[in-house]
Amino acid sequence: MKPVVAGTTDPSRPLQRSMLLALATFAVGLAVLGLKLLAWWLTGSIGLYSDALESLVNVGAALAVIVTIWVAAKPADANHPYGHTKAEYFSAVAEGVLIIVAAASILWEAYQAFSDPPVIEEVSLGLLVNLGATAINVLWGYVLVVQGRRLRSPALVADGRHLFTDVVTSVGVLVGVLLASWTGVRVIDPIVAALVAVNILWTGWGLVRESVGGLMDEALAPDRVDRIRSIISREAEGAIEAHDLRTRHAGRLTFVEFHLVVAGTMPVTQAHDICDRIERAIRDEFEDVRISIHVEPEDKAKHAGIVVV
């Protein structure tokens, strides 16, 4: 018997929303970059200059997100029968790499400034401008993470997390500039910038690790797999057992496949009804899921796996 495949509705609508959010992110990135460059120009702070460098990376990352979401929106074709949703992982990887590049740039600028720390001017005005840019990043980062998870978009979630790392950078830089201004110890400015760069490196590594996991077809989290096993056990009444359950992510899509053992004398329509019941229950729990069920006769039973209730 051929595998039974089930899906959900056309994902074009969430992809369109993702594209609108990505375009808005690019516009927000340009605005924040302009504000942070203004803050650096007003103060001459190496910390604020480094903060502006990371915002430049944000703009480049937003462009990467736009391109990958556009690719992911393409429908499945003969060469890509499972669609193009994994393209979003490339954006997440690119953002992780860009974060690492930004951190390296900050470390270099901080190193250069250790021997001759700059004199910080117009502290109040510069910090006020930078604080405004930081507030924008907090709000928009929250929007991207929440909407990215709702739309099952790794690219948007990664972009939102990237903005949060920018917020951490900005807060650290603001503290450094204030301390350097209040104490007169100018070397505090590059020291704080260097410390923030280390934090950015750690965050960049986390993004790359998570995205590579998606590209390598990592299974769903154990708790989600357990939920699927429970659904199959509960909804497969009439079958004998289910085994060889496998799951994976592909961008916003989740793939679930397993073997369902039924009596060899069971009519095809009855076996198909059991599959339909399982599929409906799984789709009620998980969005954008693709399910493949391979039906087998009882002599294929492994007496292991999922016991039917």
C-alpha atoms as a PDB file:
ATOM      1  CA  MET A   1       0.000   0.000   0.000  1.00  0.00           C
ATOM      2  CA  LYS A   2       1.308   3.468  -0.892  1.00  0.00           C
ATOM      3  CA  PRO A   3       2.107   5.968   1.862  1.00  0.00           C
ATOM      4  CA  VAL A   4      -0.686   8.316   2.822  1.00  0.00           C
ATOM      5  CA  VAL A   5       0.460  11.933   2.704  1.00  0.00           C
ATOM      6  CA  ALA A   6      -1.356  14.813   4.361  1.00  0.00           C
ATOM      7  CA  GLY A   7      -0.685  18.537   4.524  1.00  0.00           C
ATOM      8  CA  THR A   8      -2.213  21.750   5.586  1.00  0.00           C
ATOM      9  CA  THR A   9      -3.345  24.841   3.781  1.00  0.00           C
ATOM     10  CA  ASP A  10      -1.275  26.762   1.291  1.00  0.00           C
ATOM     11  CA  PRO A  11       1.576  28.499   3.216  1.00  0.00           C
ATOM     12  CA  SER A  12       1.642  31.481   0.857  1.00  0.00           C
ATOM     13  CA  ARG A  13      -0.230  33.779   3.274  1.00  0.00           C
ATOM     14  CA  PRO A  14       2.213  33.414   6.185  1.00  0.00           C
ATOM     15  CA  LEU A  15       5.066  33.810   3.712  1.00  0.00           C
ATOM     16  CA  GLN A  16       3.558  37.068   2.485  1.00  0.00           C
ATOM     17  CA  ARG A  17       3.321  38.300   6.076  1.00  0.00           C
ATOM     18  CA  SER A  18       6.917  37.254   6.635  1.00  0.00           C
ATOM     19  CA  MET A  19       7.995  39.264   3.596  1.00  0.00           C
ATOM     20  CA  LEU A  20       6.168  42.370   4.826  1.00  0.00           C
ATOM     21  CA  LEU A  21       7.868  42.032   8.210  1.00  0.00           C
ATOM     22  CA  ALA A  22      11.246  41.579   6.529  1.00  0.00           C
ATOM     23  CA  LEU A  23      10.761  44.726   4.420  1.00  0.00           C
ATOM     24  CA  ALA A  24       9.703  46.652   7.512  1.00  0.00           C
ATOM     25  CA  THR A  25      12.798  45.344   9.325  1.00  0.00           C
ATOM     26  CA  PHE A  26      15.022  46.726   6.592  1.00  0.00           C
ATOM     27  CA  ALA A  27      13.395  50.154   6.956  1.00  0.00           C
ATOM     28  CA  VAL A  28      13.701  50.033  10.754  1.00  0.00           C
ATOM     29  CA  GLY A  29      17.348  48.998  10.418  1.00  0.00           C
ATOM     30  CA  LEU A  30      18.138  52.002   8.234  1.00  0.00           C
ATOM     31  CA  ALA A  31      16.476  54.347  10.732  1.00  0.00           C
ATOM     32  CA  VAL A  32      18.358  52.852  13.695  1.00  0.00           C
ATOM     33  CA  LEU A  33      21.645  52.944  11.786  1.00  0.00           C
ATOM     34  CA  GLY A  34      21.138  56.632  11.050  1.00  0.00           C
ATOM     35  CA  LEU A  35      20.447  57.410  14.704  1.00  0.00           C
ATOM     36  CA  LYS A  36      23.485  55.491  15.950  1.00  0.00           C
ATOM     37  CA  LEU A  37      25.783  57.114  13.404  1.00  0.00           C
ATOM     38  CA  LEU A  38      24.475  60.464  14.607  1.00  0.00           C
ATOM     39  CA  ALA A  39      25.204  59.475  18.225  1.00  0.00           C
ATOM     40  CA  TRP A  40      28.771  58.493  17.303  1.00  0.00           C
ATOM     41  CA  TRP A  41      29.282  61.717  15.326  1.00  0.00           C
ATOM     42  CA  LEU A  42      28.092  63.782  18.278  1.00  0.00           C
ATOM     43  CA  THR A  43      30.268  62.066  20.899  1.00  0.00           C
ATOM     44  CA  GLY A  44      33.267  60.547  19.132  1.00  0.00           C
ATOM     45  CA  SER A  45      32.885  57.479  21.388  1.00  0.00           C
ATOM     46  CA  ILE A  46      34.516  54.284  20.127  1.00  0.00           C
ATOM     47  CA  GLY A  47      31.764  52.341  21.861  1.00  0.00           C
ATOM     48  CA  LEU A  48      29.032  54.176  19.993  1.00  0.00           C
ATOM     49  CA  TYR A  49      30.988  53.774  16.748  1.00  0.00           C
ATOM     50  CA  SER A  50      31.113  50.012  17.340  1.00  0.00           C
ATOM     51  CA  ASP A  51      27.401  50.015  18.134  1.00  0.00           C
ATOM     52  CA  ALA A  52      26.751  51.695  14.804  1.00  0.00           C
ATOM     53  CA  LEU A  53      28.852  49.024  13.054  1.00  0.00           C
ATOM     54  CA  GLU A  54      26.582  46.305  14.387  1.00  0.00           C
ATOM     55  CA  SER A  55      23.533  48.213  13.180  1.00  0.00           C
ATOM     56  CA  LEU A  56      25.092  48.250   9.721  1.00  0.00           C
ATOM     57  CA  VAL A  57      25.232  44.466   9.981  1.00  0.00           C
ATOM     58  CA  ASN A  58      21.528  44.492  10.924  1.00  0.00           C
ATOM     59  CA  VAL A  59      20.702  46.201   7.657  1.00  0.00           C
ATOM     60  CA  GLY A  60      22.673  43.603   5.709  1.00  0.00           C
ATOM     61  CA  ALA A  61      20.973  40.822   7.659  1.00  0.00           C
ATOM     62  CA  ALA A  62      17.554  42.285   6.850  1.00  0.00           C
ATOM     63  CA  LEU A  63      18.407  42.143   3.158  1.00  0.00           C
ATOM     64  CA  ALA A  64      19.419  38.492   3.553  1.00  0.00           C
ATOM     65  CA  VAL A  65      16.095  37.745   5.220  1.00  0.00           C
ATOM     66  CA  ILE A  66      14.166  39.376   2.357  1.00  0.00           C
ATOM     67  CA  VAL A  67      16.001  37.261  -0.223  1.00  0.00           C
ATOM     68  CA  THR A  68      15.594  33.978   1.654  1.00  0.00           C
ATOM     69  CA  ILE A  69      11.901  34.514   2.399  1.00  0.00           C
ATOM     70  CA  TRP A  70      11.361  35.275  -1.280  1.00  0.00           C
ATOM     71  CA  VAL A  71      13.051  31.980  -2.174  1.00  0.00           C
ATOM     72  CA  ALA A  72      11.132  30.075   0.525  1.00  0.00           C
ATOM     73  CA  ALA A  73       7.837  31.406  -0.888  1.00  0.00           C
ATOM     74  CA  LYS A  74       8.358  29.541  -4.160  1.00  0.00           C
ATOM     75  CA  PRO A  75       6.044  26.543  -4.515  1.00  0.00           C
ATOM     76  CA  ALA A  76       7.309  22.981  -4.698  1.00  0.00           C
ATOM     77  CA  ASP A  77       8.531  21.915  -8.138  1.00  0.00           C
ATOM     78  CA  ALA A  78      10.040  18.867  -9.840  1.00  0.00           C
ATOM     79  CA  ASN A  79      13.511  19.600  -8.450  1.00  0.00           C
ATOM     80  CA  HIS A  80      12.252  20.606  -4.986  1.00  0.00           C
ATOM     81  CA  PRO A  81       9.205  18.400  -4.274  1.00  0.00           C
ATOM     82  CA  TYR A  82       9.283  19.319  -0.564  1.00  0.00           C
ATOM     83  CA  GLY A  83       9.300  23.059  -1.283  1.00  0.00           C
ATOM     84  CA  HIS A  84      11.948  25.726  -0.615  1.00  0.00           C
ATOM     85  CA  THR A  85      11.283  26.476   3.056  1.00  0.00           C
ATOM     86  CA  LYS A  86      14.785  25.461   4.159  1.00  0.00           C
ATOM     87  CA  ALA A  87      16.129  28.546   2.381  1.00  0.00           C
ATOM     88  CA  GLU A  88      15.297  30.522   5.540  1.00  0.00           C
ATOM     89  CA  TYR A  89      17.966  28.631   7.461  1.00  0.00           C
ATOM     90  CA  PHE A  90      20.625  30.108   5.202  1.00  0.00           C
ATOM     91  CA  SER A  91      19.557  33.556   6.335  1.00  0.00           C
ATOM     92  CA  ALA A  92      19.791  32.517   9.979  1.00  0.00           C
ATOM     93  CA  VAL A  93      23.294  31.128   9.367  1.00  0.00           C
ATOM     94  CA  ALA A  94      24.253  34.325   7.533  1.00  0.00           C
ATOM     95  CA  GLU A  95      23.028  36.414  10.467  1.00  0.00           C
ATOM     96  CA  GLY A  96      25.105  34.384  12.877  1.00  0.00           C
ATOM     97  CA  VAL A  97      28.164  34.914  10.716  1.00  0.00           C
ATOM     98  CA  LEU A  98      27.424  38.632  10.423  1.00  0.00           C
ATOM     99  CA  ILE A  99      27.145  38.900  14.198  1.00  0.00           C
ATOM    100  CA  ILE A 100      30.555  37.276  14.519  1.00  0.00           C
ATOM    101  CA  VAL A 101      31.990  39.725  11.963  1.00  0.00           C
ATOM    102  CA  ALA A 102      30.484  42.642  13.879  1.00  0.00           C
ATOM    103  CA  ALA A 103      31.978  41.381  17.138  1.00  0.00           C
ATOM    104  CA  ALA A 104      35.381  41.023  15.506  1.00  0.00           C
ATOM    105  CA  SER A 105      35.132  44.590  14.196  1.00  0.00           C
ATOM    106  CA  ILE A 106      34.249  45.880  17.663  1.00  0.00           C
ATOM    107  CA  LEU A 107      37.184  44.024  19.210  1.00  0.00           C
ATOM    108  CA  TRP A 108      39.538  45.528  16.636  1.00  0.00           C
ATOM    109  CA  GLU A 109      38.283  49.064  17.204  1.00  0.00           C
ATOM    110  CA  ALA A 110      38.506  48.570  20.970  1.00  0.00           C
ATOM    111  CA  TYR A 111      42.072  47.311  20.654  1.00  0.00           C
ATOM    112  CA  GLN A 112      43.000  50.345  18.558  1.00  0.00           C
ATOM    113  CA  ALA A 113      41.484  52.669  21.160  1.00  0.00           C
ATOM    114  CA  PHE A 114      43.260  51.199  24.202  1.00  0.00           C
ATOM    115  CA  SER A 115      46.455  53.135  23.538  1.00  0.00           C
ATOM    116  CA  ASP A 116      44.699  56.414  22.775  1.00  0.00           C
ATOM    117  CA  PRO A 117      41.091  56.504  24.013  1.00  0.00           C
ATOM    118  CA  PRO A 118      39.008  59.218  22.336  1.00  0.00           C
ATOM    119  CA  VAL A 119      37.693  62.257  24.170  1.00  0.00           C
ATOM    120  CA  ILE A 120      33.925  61.911  24.477  1.00  0.00           C
ATOM    121  CA  GLU A 121      31.897  65.033  23.748  1.00  0.00           C
ATOM    122  CA  GLU A 122      28.197  65.952  23.805  1.00  0.00           C
ATOM    123  CA  VAL A 123      27.569  62.997  26.090  1.00  0.00           C
ATOM    124  CA  SER A 124      23.968  63.753  27.068  1.00  0.00           C
ATOM    125  CA  LEU A 125      22.703  64.396  23.546  1.00  0.00           C
ATOM    126  CA  GLY A 126      24.594  61.491  22.027  1.00  0.00           C
ATOM    127  CA  LEU A 127      23.351  59.025  24.629  1.00  0.00           C
ATOM    128  CA  LEU A 128      19.785  60.289  24.267  1.00  0.00           C
ATOM    129  CA  VAL A 129      19.901  59.655  20.509  1.00  0.00           C
ATOM    130  CA  ASN A 130      21.417  56.195  21.039  1.00  0.00           C
ATOM    131  CA  LEU A 131      18.805  55.389  23.683  1.00  0.00           C
ATOM    132  CA  GLY A 132      16.045  56.214  21.221  1.00  0.00           C
ATOM    133  CA  ALA A 133      17.572  53.851  18.664  1.00  0.00           C
ATOM    134  CA  THR A 134      17.842  51.143  21.324  1.00  0.00           C
ATOM    135  CA  ALA A 135      14.168  51.515  22.260  1.00  0.00           C
ATOM    136  CA  ILE A 136      13.219  51.021  18.604  1.00  0.00           C
ATOM    137  CA  ASN A 137      15.295  47.817  18.482  1.00  0.00           C
ATOM    138  CA  VAL A 138      13.657  46.464  21.650  1.00  0.00           C
ATOM    139  CA  LEU A 139      10.157  46.980  20.299  1.00  0.00           C
ATOM    140  CA  TRP A 140      10.875  45.687  16.812  1.00  0.00           C
ATOM    141  CA  GLY A 141      12.930  42.739  18.061  1.00  0.00           C
ATOM    142  CA  TYR A 142       9.985  41.645  20.192  1.00  0.00           C
ATOM    143  CA  VAL A 143       7.644  41.931  17.193  1.00  0.00           C
ATOM    144  CA  LEU A 144       9.949  39.821  15.023  1.00  0.00           C
ATOM    145  CA  VAL A 145      10.415  37.039  17.580  1.00  0.00           C
ATOM    146  CA  VAL A 146       6.696  36.786  18.381  1.00  0.00           C
ATOM    147  CA  GLN A 147       5.550  36.971  14.764  1.00  0.00           C
ATOM    148  CA  GLY A 148       8.410  34.794  13.544  1.00  0.00           C
ATOM    149  CA  ARG A 149       7.391  32.001  15.910  1.00  0.00           C
ATOM    150  CA  ARG A 150       3.744  32.421  14.973  1.00  0.00           C
ATOM    151  CA  LEU A 151       4.603  32.255  11.262  1.00  0.00           C
ATOM    152  CA  ARG A 152       7.173  29.459  11.815  1.00  0.00           C
ATOM    153  CA  SER A 153       9.902  31.590  10.223  1.00  0.00           C
ATOM    154  CA  PRO A 154      13.464  30.855  11.442  1.00  0.00           C
ATOM    155  CA  ALA A 155      14.739  33.878   9.507  1.00  0.00           C
ATOM    156  CA  LEU A 156      12.454  36.330  11.325  1.00  0.00           C
ATOM    157  CA  VAL A 157      13.145  34.773  14.737  1.00  0.00           C
ATOM    158  CA  ALA A 158      16.893  34.947  14.088  1.00  0.00           C
ATOM    159  CA  ASP A 159      16.564  38.573  12.985  1.00  0.00           C
ATOM    160  CA  GLY A 160      14.641  39.406  16.161  1.00  0.00           C
ATOM    161  CA  ARG A 161      17.282  37.757  18.324  1.00  0.00           C
ATOM    162  CA  HIS A 162      19.917  39.645  16.406  1.00  0.00           C
ATOM    163  CA  LEU A 163      18.205  42.893  17.339  1.00  0.00           C
ATOM    164  CA  PHE A 164      18.204  41.834  20.984  1.00  0.00           C
ATOM    165  CA  THR A 165      21.966  41.304  20.806  1.00  0.00           C
ATOM    166  CA  ASP A 166      22.142  44.826  19.403  1.00  0.00           C
ATOM    167  CA  VAL A 167      20.193  46.005  22.446  1.00  0.00           C
ATOM    168  CA  VAL A 168      22.696  44.283  24.754  1.00  0.00           C
ATOM    169  CA  THR A 169      25.494  45.975  22.843  1.00  0.00           C
ATOM    170  CA  SER A 170      23.813  49.361  23.142  1.00  0.00           C
ATOM    171  CA  VAL A 171      23.182  49.030  26.873  1.00  0.00           C
ATOM    172  CA  GLY A 172      26.799  48.027  27.465  1.00  0.00           C
ATOM    173  CA  VAL A 173      28.042  50.896  25.368  1.00  0.00           C
ATOM    174  CA  LEU A 174      25.786  53.380  27.152  1.00  0.00           C
ATOM    175  CA  VAL A 175      27.142  52.220  30.508  1.00  0.00           C
ATOM    176  CA  GLY A 176      30.697  52.471  29.232  1.00  0.00           C
ATOM    177  CA  VAL A 177      30.240  55.974  27.875  1.00  0.00           C
ATOM    178  CA  LEU A 178      28.603  57.138  31.100  1.00  0.00           C
ATOM    179  CA  LEU A 179      31.358  55.659  33.270  1.00  0.00           C
ATOM    180  CA  ALA A 180      34.084  57.080  31.061  1.00  0.00           C
ATOM    181  CA  SER A 181      32.419  60.504  31.193  1.00  0.00           C
ATOM    182  CA  TRP A 182      31.743  60.538  34.934  1.00  0.00           C
ATOM    183  CA  THR A 183      35.101  59.122  36.072  1.00  0.00           C
ATOM    184  CA  GLY A 184      37.350  60.673  33.431  1.00  0.00           C
ATOM    185  CA  VAL A 185      38.903  57.231  32.822  1.00  0.00           C
ATOM    186  CA  ARG A 186      38.543  57.177  29.051  1.00  0.00           C
ATOM    187  CA  VAL A 187      39.833  53.622  28.622  1.00  0.00           C
ATOM    188  CA  ILE A 188      36.565  52.338  30.126  1.00  0.00           C
ATOM    189  CA  ASP A 189      34.886  53.094  26.792  1.00  0.00           C
ATOM    190  CA  PRO A 190      36.871  50.545  24.718  1.00  0.00           C
ATOM    191  CA  ILE A 191      36.973  48.023  27.591  1.00  0.00           C
ATOM    192  CA  VAL A 192      33.179  47.867  27.790  1.00  0.00           C
ATOM    193  CA  ALA A 193      32.960  47.649  24.000  1.00  0.00           C
ATOM    194  CA  ALA A 194      35.309  44.639  24.055  1.00  0.00           C
ATOM    195  CA  LEU A 195      33.276  42.899  26.757  1.00  0.00           C
ATOM    196  CA  VAL A 196      30.067  43.395  24.801  1.00  0.00           C
ATOM    197  CA  ALA A 197      31.761  41.993  21.682  1.00  0.00           C
ATOM    198  CA  VAL A 198      32.450  38.736  23.546  1.00  0.00           C
ATOM    199  CA  ASN A 199      28.757  38.449  24.385  1.00  0.00           C
ATOM    200  CA  ILE A 200      27.872  39.059  20.740  1.00  0.00           C
ATOM    201  CA  LEU A 201      30.235  36.261  19.674  1.00  0.00           C
ATOM    202  CA  TRP A 202      28.460  33.840  21.987  1.00  0.00           C
ATOM    203  CA  THR A 203      25.055  34.815  20.622  1.00  0.00           C
ATOM    204  CA  GLY A 204      26.283  34.487  17.023  1.00  0.00           C
ATOM    205  CA  TRP A 205      27.513  30.979  17.729  1.00  0.00           C
ATOM    206  CA  GLY A 206      24.103  30.048  19.149  1.00  0.00           C
ATOM    207  CA  LEU A 207      22.335  31.261  16.003  1.00  0.00           C
ATOM    208  CA  VAL A 208      24.675  29.330  13.715  1.00  0.00           C
ATOM    209  CA  ARG A 209      24.293  26.175  15.800  1.00  0.00           C
ATOM    210  CA  GLU A 210      20.489  26.320  15.744  1.00  0.00           C
ATOM    211  CA  SER A 211      20.331  26.969  12.003  1.00  0.00           C
ATOM    212  CA  VAL A 212      22.784  24.215  11.134  1.00  0.00           C
ATOM    213  CA  GLY A 213      20.598  21.861  13.166  1.00  0.00           C
ATOM    214  CA  GLY A 214      17.665  22.713  10.888  1.00  0.00           C
ATOM    215  CA  LEU A 215      19.732  22.154   7.760  1.00  0.00           C
ATOM    216  CA  MET A 216      20.832  18.780   9.149  1.00  0.00           C
ATOM    217  CA  ASP A 217      17.222  17.646   9.631  1.00  0.00           C
ATOM    218  CA  GLU A 218      17.279  17.534  13.413  1.00  0.00           C
ATOM    219  CA  ALA A 219      14.273  15.892  15.019  1.00  0.00           C
ATOM    220  CA  LEU A 220      11.618  17.853  16.897  1.00  0.00           C
ATOM    221  CA  ALA A 221      12.177  18.544  20.569  1.00  0.00           C
ATOM    222  CA  PRO A 222      11.548  15.461  22.762  1.00  0.00           C
ATOM    223  CA  ASP A 223       8.389  16.912  24.304  1.00  0.00           C
ATOM    224  CA  ARG A 224       6.885  17.516  20.852  1.00  0.00           C
ATOM    225  CA  VAL A 225       7.791  13.993  19.727  1.00  0.00           C
ATOM    226  CA  ASP A 226       6.135  12.629  22.869  1.00  0.00           C
ATOM    227  CA  ARG A 227       2.973  14.561  22.011  1.00  0.00           C
ATOM    228  CA  ILE A 228       2.925  13.025  18.536  1.00  0.00           C
ATOM    229  CA  ARG A 229       3.442   9.536  19.982  1.00  0.00           C
ATOM    230  CA  SER A 230       0.547  10.072  22.380  1.00  0.00           C
ATOM    231  CA  ILE A 231      -1.731  11.248  19.569  1.00  0.00           C
ATOM    232  CA  ILE A 232      -0.901   8.225  17.431  1.00  0.00           C
ATOM    233  CA  SER A 233      -1.457   5.849  20.346  1.00  0.00           C
ATOM    234  CA  ARG A 234      -4.811   7.467  21.135  1.00  0.00           C
ATOM    235  CA  GLU A 235      -6.151   7.844  17.593  1.00  0.00           C
ATOM    236  CA  ALA A 236      -4.949   4.593  15.951  1.00  0.00           C
ATOM    237  CA  GLU A 237      -7.736   2.418  17.356  1.00  0.00           C
ATOM    238  CA  GLY A 238      -8.177  -0.592  15.083  1.00  0.00           C
ATOM    239  CA  ALA A 239      -4.486  -0.774  14.208  1.00  0.00           C
ATOM    240  CA  ILE A 240      -1.950  -3.058  15.896  1.00  0.00           C
ATOM    241  CA  GLU A 241       1.075  -0.810  16.425  1.00  0.00           C
ATOM    242  CA  ALA A 242       3.063   2.097  14.980  1.00  0.00           C
ATOM    243  CA  HIS A 243       6.837   2.115  14.655  1.00  0.00           C
ATOM    244  CA  ASP A 244       9.781   3.911  13.013  1.00  0.00           C
ATOM    245  CA  LEU A 245       8.441   7.369  13.904  1.00  0.00           C
ATOM    246  CA  ARG A 246      10.654  10.076  12.416  1.00  0.00           C
ATOM    247  CA  THR A 247      10.298  13.861  12.554  1.00  0.00           C
ATOM    248  CA  ARG A 248      12.184  16.838  11.164  1.00  0.00           C
ATOM    249  CA  HIS A 249      11.921  20.578  10.540  1.00  0.00           C
ATOM    250  CA  ALA A 250      12.228  22.366   7.221  1.00  0.00           C
ATOM    251  CA  GLY A 251      11.796  26.060   7.939  1.00  0.00           C
ATOM    252  CA  ARG A 252       8.191  26.598   9.002  1.00  0.00           C
ATOM    253  CA  LEU A 253       7.189  23.067   7.926  1.00  0.00           C
ATOM    254  CA  THR A 254       7.233  20.006  10.189  1.00  0.00           C
ATOM    255  CA  PHE A 255       7.510  16.542   8.653  1.00  0.00           C
ATOM    256  CA  VAL A 256       6.198  13.450  10.448  1.00  0.00           C
ATOM    257  CA  GLU A 257       6.397   9.909   9.128  1.00  0.00           C
ATOM    258  CA  PHE A 258       5.878   6.446  10.602  1.00  0.00           C
ATOM    259  CA  HIS A 259       4.742   2.894   9.817  1.00  0.00           C
ATOM    260  CA  LEU A 260       1.282   1.793  10.906  1.00  0.00           C
ATOM    261  CA  VAL A 261       0.666  -1.966  11.273  1.00  0.00           C
ATOM    262  CA  VAL A 262      -2.882  -3.251  10.688  1.00  0.00           C
ATOM    263  CA  ALA A 263      -4.457  -6.650  10.243  1.00  0.00           C
ATOM    264  CA  GLY A 264      -3.740  -8.111   6.817  1.00  0.00           C
ATOM    265  CA  THR A 265      -7.451  -8.713   6.281  1.00  0.00           C
ATOM    266  CA  MET A 266      -8.414  -5.112   7.026  1.00  0.00           C
ATOM    267  CA  PRO A 267     -10.065  -3.370   4.047  1.00  0.00           C
ATOM    268  CA  VAL A 268      -8.097  -0.529   2.472  1.00  0.00           C
ATOM    269  CA  THR A 269     -10.879   1.977   3.233  1.00  0.00           C
ATOM    270  CA  GLN A 270     -10.809   1.097   6.943  1.00  0.00           C
ATOM    271  CA  ALA A 271      -6.998   1.489   7.112  1.00  0.00           C
ATOM    272  CA  HIS A 272      -7.337   4.793   5.284  1.00  0.00           C
ATOM    273  CA  ASP A 273      -9.935   5.995   7.795  1.00  0.00           C
ATOM    274  CA  ILE A 274      -7.517   5.280  10.663  1.00  0.00           C
ATOM    275  CA  CYS A 275      -4.808   7.283   8.881  1.00  0.00           C
ATOM    276  CA  ASP A 276      -7.199  10.185   8.329  1.00  0.00           C
ATOM    277  CA  ARG A 277      -8.133  10.195  12.014  1.00  0.00           C
ATOM    278  CA  ILE A 278      -4.482  10.297  13.088  1.00  0.00           C
ATOM    279  CA  GLU A 279      -3.658  13.039  10.597  1.00  0.00           C
ATOM    280  CA  ARG A 280      -6.513  15.262  11.736  1.00  0.00           C
ATOM    281  CA  ALA A 281      -5.478  14.922  15.364  1.00  0.00           C
ATOM    282  CA  ILE A 282      -1.835  15.763  14.626  1.00  0.00           C
ATOM    283  CA  ARG A 283      -2.808  18.765  12.500  1.00  0.00           C
ATOM    284  CA  ASP A 284      -4.972  20.023  15.367  1.00  0.00           C
ATOM    285  CA  GLU A 285      -1.818  20.106  17.551  1.00  0.00           C
ATOM    286  CA  PHE A 286       0.800  21.257  15.035  1.00  0.00           C
ATOM    287  CA  GLU A 287       0.650  23.918  12.317  1.00  0.00           C
ATOM    288  CA  ASP A 288       2.117  23.456   8.833  1.00  0.00           C
ATOM    289  CA  VAL A 289       2.706  19.731   9.229  1.00  0.00           C
ATOM    290  CA  ARG A 290       3.270  17.165   6.482  1.00  0.00           C
ATOM    291  CA  ILE A 291       2.432  13.584   7.467  1.00  0.00           C
ATOM    292  CA  SER A 292       3.426  10.347   5.722  1.00  0.00           C
ATOM    293  CA  ILE A 293       2.006   7.029   6.989  1.00  0.00           C
ATOM    294  CA  HIS A 294       3.182   3.721   5.552  1.00  0.00           C
ATOM    295  CA  VAL A 295       0.549   1.039   6.205  1.00  0.00           C
ATOM    296  CA  GLU A 296       1.825  -2.515   6.709  1.00  0.00           C
ATOM    297  CA  PRO A 297       0.244  -5.951   7.446  1.00  0.00           C
ATOM    298  CA  GLU A 298       0.681  -7.630  10.830  1.00  0.00           C
ATOM    299  CA  ASP A 299       3.624  -9.793   9.739  1.00  0.00           C
ATOM    300  CA  LYS A 300       5.672  -6.554   9.594  1.00  0.00           C
ATOM    301  CA  ALA A 301       5.051  -5.808  13.263  1.00  0.00           C
ATOM    302  CA  LYS A 302       8.206  -5.155  15.282  1.00  0.00           C
ATOM    303  CA  HIS A 303       6.465  -5.390  18.669  1.00  0.00           C
ATOM    304  CA  ALA A 304       8.192  -2.141  19.560  1.00  0.00           C
ATOM    305  CA  GLY A 305       7.461   1.540  19.158  1.00  0.00           C
ATOM    306  CA  ILE A 306       4.010   2.997  19.782  1.00  0.00           C
ATOM    307  CA  VAL A 307       1.401   0.762  21.389  1.00  0.00           C
ATOM    308  CA  VAL A 308      -2.137   1.481  20.224  1.00  0.00           C
ATOM    309  CA  VAL A 309      -4.501   2.261  23.089  1.00  0.00           C
END
